[in-house]
Amino acid sequence: MDTLPQYQAIFDLVRLIPAGRVCSYGVIAKYSGPGITARIVGRAMSASHNQEVPAHRVVNSQGKLTGKMHFDAPAQMQELLEAEGITIKKDKVVNVEQHFWSPEELI
């Protein structure tokens, strides 16, 4: 499967996550198309920096900032989320359920 169309579908979906909300790699994978896994979403997020994709809004299923190492500075992912009103403690979104967004909200 060609990765460029896969990544584009992922990027398009992540761009829909509203400011102040987060989504998980697994949920993005589920709604991005057949054959797309959470691992592929992670790879796409690490390759998204020149694509105007809010990759900081994608966290793991427990709300952990597992993608933070792919940002220019170690604290950048946390800083971007906090600027949107999301509290982070110990590299994890506080009250992740309150901030969690699902593509089902668009249906």
C-alpha atoms as a PDB file:
ATOM      1  CA  MET A   1       0.000   0.000   0.000  1.00  0.00           C
ATOM      2  CA  ASP A   2       1.399   3.419  -0.942  1.00  0.00           C
ATOM      3  CA  THR A   3       2.127   5.502   2.161  1.00  0.00           C
ATOM      4  CA  LEU A   4       1.433   8.929   0.663  1.00  0.00           C
ATOM      5  CA  PRO A   5      -2.349   8.412   0.264  1.00  0.00           C
ATOM      6  CA  GLN A   6      -2.412   6.776   3.715  1.00  0.00           C
ATOM      7  CA  TYR A   7      -0.698   9.748   5.286  1.00  0.00           C
ATOM      8  CA  GLN A   8      -2.932  12.219   3.453  1.00  0.00           C
ATOM      9  CA  ALA A   9      -6.082  10.543   4.822  1.00  0.00           C
ATOM     10  CA  ILE A  10      -4.572  10.673   8.309  1.00  0.00           C
ATOM     11  CA  PHE A  11      -3.536  14.322   7.937  1.00  0.00           C
ATOM     12  CA  ASP A  12      -7.019  15.263   6.698  1.00  0.00           C
ATOM     13  CA  LEU A  13      -8.652  13.644   9.725  1.00  0.00           C
ATOM     14  CA  VAL A  14      -6.213  15.107  12.263  1.00  0.00           C
ATOM     15  CA  ARG A  15      -6.851  18.584  10.838  1.00  0.00           C
ATOM     16  CA  LEU A  16     -10.481  18.160  11.987  1.00  0.00           C
ATOM     17  CA  ILE A  17      -9.546  17.817  15.674  1.00  0.00           C
ATOM     18  CA  PRO A  18     -10.679  21.090  17.275  1.00  0.00           C
ATOM     19  CA  ALA A  19      -8.352  23.211  19.384  1.00  0.00           C
ATOM     20  CA  GLY A  20      -8.573  22.173  23.026  1.00  0.00           C
ATOM     21  CA  ARG A  21      -9.362  18.565  22.139  1.00  0.00           C
ATOM     22  CA  VAL A  22      -7.247  15.433  21.632  1.00  0.00           C
ATOM     23  CA  CYS A  23      -7.673  12.113  19.866  1.00  0.00           C
ATOM     24  CA  SER A  24      -5.771   8.830  20.033  1.00  0.00           C
ATOM     25  CA  TYR A  25      -3.624   7.132  17.425  1.00  0.00           C
ATOM     26  CA  GLY A  26      -6.009   4.163  17.441  1.00  0.00           C
ATOM     27  CA  VAL A  27      -9.155   6.202  16.830  1.00  0.00           C
ATOM     28  CA  ILE A  28      -7.464   8.147  14.031  1.00  0.00           C
ATOM     29  CA  ALA A  29      -6.416   4.805  12.508  1.00  0.00           C
ATOM     30  CA  LYS A  30      -9.940   3.393  12.758  1.00  0.00           C
ATOM     31  CA  TYR A  31     -11.442   6.312  10.842  1.00  0.00           C
ATOM     32  CA  SER A  32      -8.616   6.854   8.328  1.00  0.00           C
ATOM     33  CA  GLY A  33      -9.269   3.788   6.212  1.00  0.00           C
ATOM     34  CA  PRO A  34      -8.591   0.079   5.843  1.00  0.00           C
ATOM     35  CA  GLY A  35      -5.084  -1.102   6.589  1.00  0.00           C
ATOM     36  CA  ILE A  36      -4.178   1.946   8.661  1.00  0.00           C
ATOM     37  CA  THR A  37      -2.936   1.087  12.141  1.00  0.00           C
ATOM     38  CA  ALA A  38      -2.085   3.185  15.182  1.00  0.00           C
ATOM     39  CA  ARG A  39       1.588   2.643  14.374  1.00  0.00           C
ATOM     40  CA  ILE A  40       1.091   4.076  10.871  1.00  0.00           C
ATOM     41  CA  VAL A  41      -0.674   7.085  12.410  1.00  0.00           C
ATOM     42  CA  GLY A  42       2.340   7.577  14.678  1.00  0.00           C
ATOM     43  CA  ARG A  43       4.686   7.496  11.709  1.00  0.00           C
ATOM     44  CA  ALA A  44       2.471   9.959   9.846  1.00  0.00           C
ATOM     45  CA  MET A  45       2.477  12.341  12.817  1.00  0.00           C
ATOM     46  CA  SER A  46       6.274  12.227  12.973  1.00  0.00           C
ATOM     47  CA  ALA A  47       6.339  13.125   9.251  1.00  0.00           C
ATOM     48  CA  SER A  48       3.671  15.840   9.453  1.00  0.00           C
ATOM     49  CA  HIS A  49       5.696  18.916  10.399  1.00  0.00           C
ATOM     50  CA  ASN A  50       5.607  20.513   6.943  1.00  0.00           C
ATOM     51  CA  GLN A  51       1.947  19.623   6.386  1.00  0.00           C
ATOM     52  CA  GLU A  52       0.180  22.082   8.737  1.00  0.00           C
ATOM     53  CA  VAL A  53      -1.197  19.210  10.800  1.00  0.00           C
ATOM     54  CA  PRO A  54      -1.950  19.719  14.526  1.00  0.00           C
ATOM     55  CA  ALA A  55       0.015  16.595  15.487  1.00  0.00           C
ATOM     56  CA  HIS A  56       0.181  17.799  19.098  1.00  0.00           C
ATOM     57  CA  ARG A  57      -3.508  16.866  19.432  1.00  0.00           C
ATOM     58  CA  VAL A  58      -2.812  13.162  18.864  1.00  0.00           C
ATOM     59  CA  VAL A  59      -1.973  11.264  22.056  1.00  0.00           C
ATOM     60  CA  ASN A  60      -2.013   7.626  23.087  1.00  0.00           C
ATOM     61  CA  SER A  61      -5.185   5.984  24.382  1.00  0.00           C
ATOM     62  CA  GLN A  62      -4.332   6.895  27.993  1.00  0.00           C
ATOM     63  CA  GLY A  63      -3.653  10.532  27.080  1.00  0.00           C
ATOM     64  CA  LYS A  64       0.141  10.258  27.245  1.00  0.00           C
ATOM     65  CA  LEU A  65       2.264  12.538  25.063  1.00  0.00           C
ATOM     66  CA  THR A  66       4.083   9.655  23.409  1.00  0.00           C
ATOM     67  CA  GLY A  67       4.822  11.677  20.258  1.00  0.00           C
ATOM     68  CA  LYS A  68       6.612  14.526  22.035  1.00  0.00           C
ATOM     69  CA  MET A  69      10.045  13.418  20.805  1.00  0.00           C
ATOM     70  CA  HIS A  70       9.060  14.290  17.232  1.00  0.00           C
ATOM     71  CA  PHE A  71       8.698  18.003  17.989  1.00  0.00           C
ATOM     72  CA  ASP A  72      11.447  20.609  17.644  1.00  0.00           C
ATOM     73  CA  ALA A  73      11.785  21.000  21.422  1.00  0.00           C
ATOM     74  CA  PRO A  74      11.085  18.388  24.117  1.00  0.00           C
ATOM     75  CA  ALA A  75       8.342  20.492  25.741  1.00  0.00           C
ATOM     76  CA  GLN A  76       6.736  21.824  22.547  1.00  0.00           C
ATOM     77  CA  MET A  77       3.862  19.301  22.401  1.00  0.00           C
ATOM     78  CA  GLN A  78       2.925  20.078  26.006  1.00  0.00           C
ATOM     79  CA  GLU A  79       3.213  23.827  25.437  1.00  0.00           C
ATOM     80  CA  LEU A  80       0.934  23.694  22.395  1.00  0.00           C
ATOM     81  CA  LEU A  81      -1.715  21.696  24.277  1.00  0.00           C
ATOM     82  CA  GLU A  82      -1.527  23.970  27.315  1.00  0.00           C
ATOM     83  CA  ALA A  83      -1.949  27.013  25.053  1.00  0.00           C
ATOM     84  CA  GLU A  84      -5.252  25.432  23.978  1.00  0.00           C
ATOM     85  CA  GLY A  85      -6.415  25.066  27.594  1.00  0.00           C
ATOM     86  CA  ILE A  86      -5.436  21.438  28.194  1.00  0.00           C
ATOM     87  CA  THR A  87      -3.694  20.656  31.480  1.00  0.00           C
ATOM     88  CA  ILE A  88      -0.724  18.285  31.288  1.00  0.00           C
ATOM     89  CA  LYS A  89       0.847  16.548  34.290  1.00  0.00           C
ATOM     90  CA  LYS A  90       3.739  14.099  33.999  1.00  0.00           C
ATOM     91  CA  ASP A  91       3.455  13.999  30.187  1.00  0.00           C
ATOM     92  CA  LYS A  92      -0.237  13.065  30.323  1.00  0.00           C
ATOM     93  CA  VAL A  93      -3.474  14.928  29.551  1.00  0.00           C
ATOM     94  CA  VAL A  94      -5.388  15.532  32.786  1.00  0.00           C
ATOM     95  CA  ASN A  95      -9.029  14.406  32.444  1.00  0.00           C
ATOM     96  CA  VAL A  96      -8.413  13.028  28.954  1.00  0.00           C
ATOM     97  CA  GLU A  97     -12.055  11.928  28.703  1.00  0.00           C
ATOM     98  CA  GLN A  98     -13.182  15.561  28.994  1.00  0.00           C
ATOM     99  CA  HIS A  99     -10.900  16.643  26.143  1.00  0.00           C
ATOM    100  CA  PHE A 100     -11.252  13.562  23.943  1.00  0.00           C
ATOM    101  CA  TRP A 101     -12.615  14.092  20.438  1.00  0.00           C
ATOM    102  CA  SER A 102     -13.982  11.420  18.138  1.00  0.00           C
ATOM    103  CA  PRO A 103     -14.744  11.691  14.415  1.00  0.00           C
ATOM    104  CA  GLU A 104     -18.208  10.396  15.360  1.00  0.00           C
ATOM    105  CA  GLU A 105     -18.957  13.933  16.552  1.00  0.00           C
ATOM    106  CA  LEU A 106     -19.064  14.930  12.875  1.00  0.00           C
ATOM    107  CA  ILE A 107     -21.767  12.404  12.016  1.00  0.00           C
END
